[in-house]
Amino acid sequence: MNYPIQGSCQCGGVTYELKEPPLMVVACHCKECQKLSTSTFSITAVVRAEAVQFEGEMAEWRRVAESGNINGARFCPVCGNRLYHFNPDEPGVIKLKPSNLADTRLIQPSAHVWVSQKQDWFQIPEGVRVFDKQP
């Protein structure tokens, strides 16, 4: 895979460039991620914050996670497309929503988290790390 990879929200109002491979790719099965994705889980690519360059205006929303940490989200204020999550106490890392990338081959989860809340019908592939909650 060649970097950088371009990405954007659905309407194109926010664009970005991912300059290097993610640290890890995770599928989260928590109820909040099911609501976010309107599907069985949400995919997150954990990347170094300095490895991504965003252009365009973003809106922000925050909630408190079960751990007590802040789970912030940045998204396009026009189309509502979520671009990434972040914890303000960990400014060096962001949780990119990689389905917005032009090349999505990097979406190969190495771990599934919050499987205690996963949909019963979904089968996790063999050989992938599994966590009942957040590791």
N, C-alpha and C. Protein backbone atom coordinates (compact mmCIF):
# COMPACT_ATOMS: atom_id res chain seq x y z
N MET A 1 0.85 -1.18 0.00
CA MET A 1 0.00 0.00 0.00
C MET A 1 0.89 1.23 0.00
N ASN A 2 0.53 2.19 -0.81
CA ASN A 2 1.33 3.41 -0.94
C ASN A 2 0.69 4.56 -0.15
N TYR A 3 1.54 5.27 0.57
CA TYR A 3 1.11 6.43 1.34
C TYR A 3 1.75 7.65 0.72
N PRO A 4 1.10 8.81 0.79
CA PRO A 4 -0.14 9.10 1.52
C PRO A 4 -1.39 8.59 0.77
N ILE A 5 -2.47 8.45 1.56
CA ILE A 5 -3.78 8.06 1.03
C ILE A 5 -4.73 9.22 1.30
N GLN A 6 -5.50 9.59 0.30
CA GLN A 6 -6.47 10.69 0.43
C GLN A 6 -7.77 10.15 1.03
N GLY A 7 -8.48 11.02 1.75
CA GLY A 7 -9.79 10.68 2.29
C GLY A 7 -10.67 11.91 2.33
N SER A 8 -11.96 11.69 2.50
CA SER A 8 -12.90 12.82 2.61
C SER A 8 -14.21 12.35 3.20
N CYS A 9 -14.99 13.32 3.66
CA CYS A 9 -16.35 13.04 4.10
C CYS A 9 -17.22 12.80 2.87
N GLN A 10 -18.49 12.48 3.08
CA GLN A 10 -19.37 12.17 1.95
C GLN A 10 -19.56 13.34 0.99
N CYS A 11 -19.66 14.56 1.51
CA CYS A 11 -19.92 15.72 0.63
C CYS A 11 -18.64 16.35 0.10
N GLY A 12 -17.48 15.97 0.65
CA GLY A 12 -16.21 16.53 0.19
C GLY A 12 -15.82 17.82 0.88
N GLY A 13 -16.60 18.25 1.85
CA GLY A 13 -16.30 19.49 2.57
C GLY A 13 -15.09 19.37 3.49
N VAL A 14 -14.79 18.15 3.94
CA VAL A 14 -13.60 17.89 4.75
C VAL A 14 -12.78 16.85 3.98
N THR A 15 -11.52 17.17 3.75
CA THR A 15 -10.61 16.24 3.10
C THR A 15 -9.43 16.00 4.02
N TYR A 16 -8.74 14.90 3.78
CA TYR A 16 -7.55 14.64 4.58
C TYR A 16 -6.59 13.73 3.84
N GLU A 17 -5.39 13.64 4.41
CA GLU A 17 -4.34 12.80 3.86
C GLU A 17 -3.74 11.99 5.01
N LEU A 18 -3.74 10.68 4.88
CA LEU A 18 -3.09 9.79 5.84
C LEU A 18 -1.70 9.50 5.30
N LYS A 19 -0.67 9.88 6.07
CA LYS A 19 0.71 9.84 5.57
C LYS A 19 1.45 8.55 5.87
N GLU A 20 0.91 7.71 6.76
CA GLU A 20 1.61 6.47 7.14
C GLU A 20 0.60 5.43 7.60
N PRO A 21 1.02 4.16 7.67
CA PRO A 21 0.10 3.10 8.09
C PRO A 21 -0.40 3.31 9.52
N PRO A 22 -1.60 2.81 9.81
CA PRO A 22 -2.12 2.90 11.17
C PRO A 22 -1.31 2.04 12.14
N LEU A 23 -1.39 2.40 13.41
CA LEU A 23 -0.75 1.60 14.46
C LEU A 23 -1.50 0.28 14.64
N MET A 24 -2.82 0.34 14.47
CA MET A 24 -3.66 -0.85 14.52
C MET A 24 -5.04 -0.51 13.96
N VAL A 25 -5.76 -1.55 13.55
CA VAL A 25 -7.12 -1.40 13.07
C VAL A 25 -8.00 -2.30 13.93
N VAL A 26 -9.08 -1.72 14.47
CA VAL A 26 -9.93 -2.41 15.44
C VAL A 26 -11.39 -2.35 15.01
N ALA A 27 -12.11 -3.43 15.24
CA ALA A 27 -13.56 -3.44 15.07
C ALA A 27 -14.18 -3.36 16.46
N CYS A 28 -15.00 -2.35 16.71
CA CYS A 28 -15.63 -2.17 18.02
C CYS A 28 -17.10 -2.54 17.92
N HIS A 29 -17.54 -3.41 18.83
CA HIS A 29 -18.90 -3.93 18.84
C HIS A 29 -19.77 -3.31 19.94
N CYS A 30 -19.31 -2.25 20.60
CA CYS A 30 -20.12 -1.65 21.67
C CYS A 30 -21.40 -1.07 21.09
N LYS A 31 -22.39 -0.89 21.94
CA LYS A 31 -23.69 -0.38 21.48
C LYS A 31 -23.56 1.02 20.88
N GLU A 32 -22.66 1.85 21.41
CA GLU A 32 -22.47 3.19 20.86
C GLU A 32 -21.92 3.11 19.43
N CYS A 33 -20.99 2.21 19.17
CA CYS A 33 -20.45 2.06 17.81
C CYS A 33 -21.48 1.44 16.87
N GLN A 34 -22.34 0.60 17.39
CA GLN A 34 -23.42 0.07 16.56
C GLN A 34 -24.36 1.21 16.14
N LYS A 35 -24.63 2.12 17.06
CA LYS A 35 -25.47 3.29 16.72
C LYS A 35 -24.75 4.18 15.70
N LEU A 36 -23.46 4.40 15.92
CA LEU A 36 -22.67 5.25 15.01
C LEU A 36 -22.68 4.70 13.59
N SER A 37 -22.42 3.41 13.46
CA SER A 37 -22.26 2.80 12.14
C SER A 37 -23.60 2.36 11.53
N THR A 38 -24.64 2.33 12.33
CA THR A 38 -25.93 1.74 11.97
C THR A 38 -25.71 0.34 11.40
N SER A 39 -24.75 -0.37 11.99
CA SER A 39 -24.42 -1.72 11.57
C SER A 39 -23.97 -2.50 12.80
N THR A 40 -23.35 -3.64 12.59
CA THR A 40 -22.99 -4.51 13.69
C THR A 40 -21.75 -4.08 14.46
N PHE A 41 -20.87 -3.28 13.83
CA PHE A 41 -19.69 -2.75 14.52
C PHE A 41 -19.16 -1.55 13.75
N SER A 42 -18.20 -0.86 14.35
CA SER A 42 -17.55 0.28 13.72
C SER A 42 -16.06 -0.01 13.60
N ILE A 43 -15.47 0.39 12.49
CA ILE A 43 -14.04 0.19 12.26
C ILE A 43 -13.27 1.46 12.64
N THR A 44 -12.16 1.27 13.32
CA THR A 44 -11.31 2.37 13.72
C THR A 44 -9.87 2.05 13.38
N ALA A 45 -9.18 3.00 12.76
CA ALA A 45 -7.75 2.89 12.52
C ALA A 45 -7.06 3.84 13.49
N VAL A 46 -6.32 3.28 14.42
CA VAL A 46 -5.59 4.09 15.39
C VAL A 46 -4.33 4.61 14.70
N VAL A 47 -4.20 5.94 14.64
CA VAL A 47 -3.08 6.56 13.94
C VAL A 47 -2.45 7.65 14.81
N ARG A 48 -1.19 7.93 14.52
CA ARG A 48 -0.54 9.06 15.18
C ARG A 48 -1.19 10.34 14.64
N ALA A 49 -1.51 11.26 15.53
CA ALA A 49 -2.19 12.50 15.12
C ALA A 49 -1.39 13.26 14.08
N GLU A 50 -0.08 13.25 14.17
CA GLU A 50 0.74 13.99 13.22
C GLU A 50 0.82 13.29 11.85
N ALA A 51 0.28 12.09 11.74
CA ALA A 51 0.30 11.35 10.47
C ALA A 51 -0.90 11.68 9.58
N VAL A 52 -1.78 12.58 10.06
CA VAL A 52 -2.97 12.94 9.29
C VAL A 52 -3.06 14.46 9.18
N GLN A 53 -3.34 14.94 7.97
CA GLN A 53 -3.53 16.37 7.73
C GLN A 53 -4.95 16.58 7.23
N PHE A 54 -5.76 17.31 8.00
CA PHE A 54 -7.16 17.58 7.65
C PHE A 54 -7.30 18.97 7.06
N GLU A 55 -8.24 19.14 6.13
CA GLU A 55 -8.61 20.43 5.55
C GLU A 55 -10.13 20.53 5.61
N GLY A 56 -10.63 21.69 6.01
CA GLY A 56 -12.07 21.91 6.07
C GLY A 56 -12.57 22.03 7.50
N GLU A 57 -13.73 22.61 7.63
CA GLU A 57 -14.34 22.84 8.93
C GLU A 57 -14.98 21.56 9.46
N MET A 58 -14.76 21.31 10.77
CA MET A 58 -15.38 20.15 11.41
C MET A 58 -16.13 20.60 12.65
N ALA A 59 -17.19 19.89 12.96
CA ALA A 59 -17.92 20.09 14.21
C ALA A 59 -17.43 19.03 15.20
N GLU A 60 -17.77 19.22 16.47
CA GLU A 60 -17.28 18.31 17.51
C GLU A 60 -18.41 17.92 18.46
N TRP A 61 -18.34 16.67 18.92
CA TRP A 61 -19.29 16.15 19.91
C TRP A 61 -18.50 15.29 20.88
N ARG A 62 -18.88 15.29 22.16
CA ARG A 62 -18.16 14.50 23.17
C ARG A 62 -19.13 13.77 24.08
N ARG A 63 -18.65 12.64 24.58
CA ARG A 63 -19.38 11.90 25.61
C ARG A 63 -18.36 11.26 26.55
N VAL A 64 -18.82 10.87 27.73
CA VAL A 64 -17.95 10.19 28.69
C VAL A 64 -18.08 8.69 28.45
N ALA A 65 -16.94 8.03 28.27
CA ALA A 65 -16.91 6.58 28.06
C ALA A 65 -17.04 5.87 29.40
N GLU A 66 -17.29 4.56 29.36
CA GLU A 66 -17.41 3.76 30.59
C GLU A 66 -16.17 3.89 31.47
N SER A 67 -14.99 4.07 30.85
CA SER A 67 -13.72 4.20 31.58
C SER A 67 -13.60 5.53 32.32
N GLY A 68 -14.48 6.49 31.97
CA GLY A 68 -14.37 7.83 32.52
C GLY A 68 -13.63 8.77 31.59
N ASN A 69 -12.99 8.23 30.56
CA ASN A 69 -12.31 9.05 29.57
C ASN A 69 -13.32 9.78 28.69
N ILE A 70 -12.89 10.88 28.11
CA ILE A 70 -13.72 11.60 27.15
C ILE A 70 -13.54 10.95 25.78
N ASN A 71 -14.64 10.66 25.13
CA ASN A 71 -14.62 10.16 23.76
C ASN A 71 -15.15 11.29 22.89
N GLY A 72 -14.23 12.02 22.25
CA GLY A 72 -14.62 13.11 21.38
C GLY A 72 -14.74 12.62 19.95
N ALA A 73 -15.55 13.31 19.17
CA ALA A 73 -15.73 12.96 17.77
C ALA A 73 -15.69 14.24 16.94
N ARG A 74 -15.06 14.17 15.79
CA ARG A 74 -15.05 15.28 14.83
C ARG A 74 -15.74 14.78 13.57
N PHE A 75 -16.58 15.65 13.01
CA PHE A 75 -17.38 15.26 11.86
C PHE A 75 -17.68 16.46 10.99
N CYS A 76 -18.10 16.20 9.76
CA CYS A 76 -18.45 17.27 8.83
C CYS A 76 -19.78 17.88 9.26
N PRO A 77 -19.85 19.21 9.41
CA PRO A 77 -21.10 19.85 9.82
C PRO A 77 -22.16 19.89 8.71
N VAL A 78 -21.76 19.61 7.47
CA VAL A 78 -22.71 19.63 6.36
C VAL A 78 -23.36 18.25 6.18
N CYS A 79 -22.54 17.21 5.94
CA CYS A 79 -23.10 15.88 5.68
C CYS A 79 -23.19 15.01 6.93
N GLY A 80 -22.54 15.41 8.02
CA GLY A 80 -22.60 14.66 9.27
C GLY A 80 -21.67 13.47 9.33
N ASN A 81 -20.87 13.25 8.31
CA ASN A 81 -19.99 12.09 8.25
C ASN A 81 -18.91 12.18 9.33
N ARG A 82 -18.83 11.17 10.17
CA ARG A 82 -17.82 11.10 11.23
C ARG A 82 -16.47 10.84 10.61
N LEU A 83 -15.43 11.61 11.02
CA LEU A 83 -14.09 11.46 10.47
C LEU A 83 -13.13 10.80 11.46
N TYR A 84 -13.22 11.19 12.73
CA TYR A 84 -12.37 10.52 13.72
C TYR A 84 -12.87 10.77 15.13
N HIS A 85 -12.37 9.93 16.04
CA HIS A 85 -12.61 10.07 17.48
C HIS A 85 -11.28 10.43 18.13
N PHE A 86 -11.36 10.98 19.33
CA PHE A 86 -10.14 11.33 20.06
C PHE A 86 -10.43 11.40 21.54
N ASN A 87 -9.36 11.23 22.33
CA ASN A 87 -9.39 11.45 23.77
C ASN A 87 -8.51 12.67 24.02
N PRO A 88 -9.06 13.78 24.54
CA PRO A 88 -8.24 14.98 24.74
C PRO A 88 -7.04 14.75 25.66
N ASP A 89 -7.07 13.70 26.48
CA ASP A 89 -5.93 13.39 27.34
C ASP A 89 -4.83 12.64 26.61
N GLU A 90 -5.07 12.24 25.35
CA GLU A 90 -4.08 11.54 24.53
C GLU A 90 -3.96 12.26 23.18
N PRO A 91 -3.41 13.47 23.16
CA PRO A 91 -3.39 14.27 21.93
C PRO A 91 -2.54 13.71 20.80
N GLY A 92 -1.68 12.76 21.07
CA GLY A 92 -0.81 12.22 20.04
C GLY A 92 -1.43 11.13 19.18
N VAL A 93 -2.65 10.71 19.54
CA VAL A 93 -3.29 9.60 18.84
C VAL A 93 -4.73 9.98 18.50
N ILE A 94 -5.17 9.62 17.29
CA ILE A 94 -6.58 9.75 16.94
C ILE A 94 -7.08 8.42 16.41
N LYS A 95 -8.40 8.26 16.44
CA LYS A 95 -9.06 7.03 15.99
C LYS A 95 -9.82 7.35 14.71
N LEU A 96 -9.12 7.21 13.60
CA LEU A 96 -9.64 7.56 12.29
C LEU A 96 -10.72 6.57 11.84
N LYS A 97 -11.77 7.07 11.18
CA LYS A 97 -12.80 6.22 10.59
C LYS A 97 -12.36 5.94 9.16
N PRO A 98 -11.69 4.82 8.89
CA PRO A 98 -10.99 4.61 7.63
C PRO A 98 -11.86 4.31 6.41
N SER A 99 -13.14 4.11 6.58
CA SER A 99 -14.01 3.88 5.42
C SER A 99 -14.09 5.12 4.55
N ASN A 100 -13.62 6.27 5.07
CA ASN A 100 -13.60 7.52 4.31
C ASN A 100 -12.38 7.64 3.40
N LEU A 101 -11.47 6.68 3.46
CA LEU A 101 -10.26 6.72 2.63
C LEU A 101 -10.56 6.29 1.20
N ALA A 102 -9.81 6.83 0.25
CA ALA A 102 -9.96 6.45 -1.15
C ALA A 102 -9.53 4.99 -1.37
N ASP A 103 -8.54 4.53 -0.61
CA ASP A 103 -8.06 3.15 -0.69
C ASP A 103 -8.32 2.51 0.68
N THR A 104 -9.24 1.59 0.75
CA THR A 104 -9.65 1.01 2.03
C THR A 104 -9.04 -0.36 2.30
N ARG A 105 -8.01 -0.73 1.57
CA ARG A 105 -7.39 -2.04 1.80
C ARG A 105 -6.81 -2.20 3.20
N LEU A 106 -6.53 -1.10 3.89
CA LEU A 106 -5.98 -1.20 5.24
C LEU A 106 -7.03 -1.64 6.26
N ILE A 107 -8.29 -1.70 5.88
CA ILE A 107 -9.35 -2.09 6.81
C ILE A 107 -9.34 -3.61 6.97
N GLN A 108 -8.44 -4.06 7.83
CA GLN A 108 -8.31 -5.46 8.18
C GLN A 108 -8.09 -5.52 9.69
N PRO A 109 -9.19 -5.58 10.47
CA PRO A 109 -9.05 -5.53 11.92
C PRO A 109 -8.16 -6.63 12.48
N SER A 110 -7.25 -6.21 13.36
CA SER A 110 -6.39 -7.17 14.06
C SER A 110 -6.96 -7.50 15.43
N ALA A 111 -8.02 -6.76 15.83
CA ALA A 111 -8.67 -7.01 17.12
C ALA A 111 -10.14 -6.62 17.04
N HIS A 112 -10.94 -7.31 17.82
CA HIS A 112 -12.36 -6.97 17.99
C HIS A 112 -12.56 -6.68 19.47
N VAL A 113 -13.09 -5.50 19.78
CA VAL A 113 -13.29 -5.08 21.17
C VAL A 113 -14.79 -4.97 21.47
N TRP A 114 -15.10 -5.00 22.74
CA TRP A 114 -16.48 -4.93 23.23
C TRP A 114 -17.34 -6.06 22.63
N VAL A 115 -16.73 -7.24 22.51
CA VAL A 115 -17.50 -8.37 21.98
C VAL A 115 -18.59 -8.83 22.95
N SER A 116 -18.54 -8.35 24.19
CA SER A 116 -19.62 -8.64 25.15
C SER A 116 -20.94 -8.03 24.69
N GLN A 117 -20.88 -7.06 23.76
CA GLN A 117 -22.10 -6.42 23.25
C GLN A 117 -22.33 -6.70 21.76
N LYS A 118 -21.56 -7.60 21.17
CA LYS A 118 -21.69 -7.86 19.74
C LYS A 118 -23.01 -8.53 19.40
N GLN A 119 -23.42 -8.37 18.16
CA GLN A 119 -24.62 -9.04 17.67
C GLN A 119 -24.34 -10.55 17.61
N ASP A 120 -25.29 -11.35 18.10
CA ASP A 120 -25.10 -12.80 18.19
C ASP A 120 -24.82 -13.45 16.83
N TRP A 121 -25.38 -12.93 15.78
CA TRP A 121 -25.25 -13.57 14.47
C TRP A 121 -23.88 -13.37 13.83
N PHE A 122 -23.11 -12.37 14.29
CA PHE A 122 -21.82 -12.08 13.67
C PHE A 122 -20.75 -13.03 14.20
N GLN A 123 -20.00 -13.65 13.29
CA GLN A 123 -18.91 -14.56 13.65
C GLN A 123 -17.57 -13.85 13.44
N ILE A 124 -16.78 -13.77 14.49
CA ILE A 124 -15.45 -13.14 14.42
C ILE A 124 -14.49 -14.12 13.74
N PRO A 125 -13.70 -13.65 12.79
CA PRO A 125 -12.76 -14.54 12.09
C PRO A 125 -11.75 -15.17 13.04
N GLU A 126 -11.30 -16.35 12.68
CA GLU A 126 -10.26 -17.06 13.45
C GLU A 126 -8.97 -16.25 13.46
N GLY A 127 -8.22 -16.34 14.55
CA GLY A 127 -6.90 -15.75 14.63
C GLY A 127 -6.85 -14.26 14.93
N VAL A 128 -8.01 -13.65 15.23
CA VAL A 128 -8.06 -12.23 15.54
C VAL A 128 -8.21 -12.08 17.07
N ARG A 129 -7.47 -11.14 17.65
CA ARG A 129 -7.58 -10.91 19.10
C ARG A 129 -8.98 -10.44 19.44
N VAL A 130 -9.49 -10.90 20.59
CA VAL A 130 -10.86 -10.59 21.02
C VAL A 130 -10.82 -10.11 22.47
N PHE A 131 -11.58 -9.01 22.74
CA PHE A 131 -11.66 -8.45 24.09
C PHE A 131 -13.12 -8.24 24.44
N ASP A 132 -13.52 -8.66 25.66
CA ASP A 132 -14.91 -8.49 26.10
C ASP A 132 -15.29 -7.01 26.16
N LYS A 133 -14.35 -6.17 26.61
CA LYS A 133 -14.57 -4.72 26.70
C LYS A 133 -13.37 -4.03 26.06
N GLN A 134 -13.09 -2.82 26.51
CA GLN A 134 -11.93 -2.07 26.00
C GLN A 134 -10.67 -2.58 26.67
N PRO A 135 -9.65 -2.97 25.89
CA PRO A 135 -8.42 -3.50 26.52
C PRO A 135 -7.65 -2.41 27.26
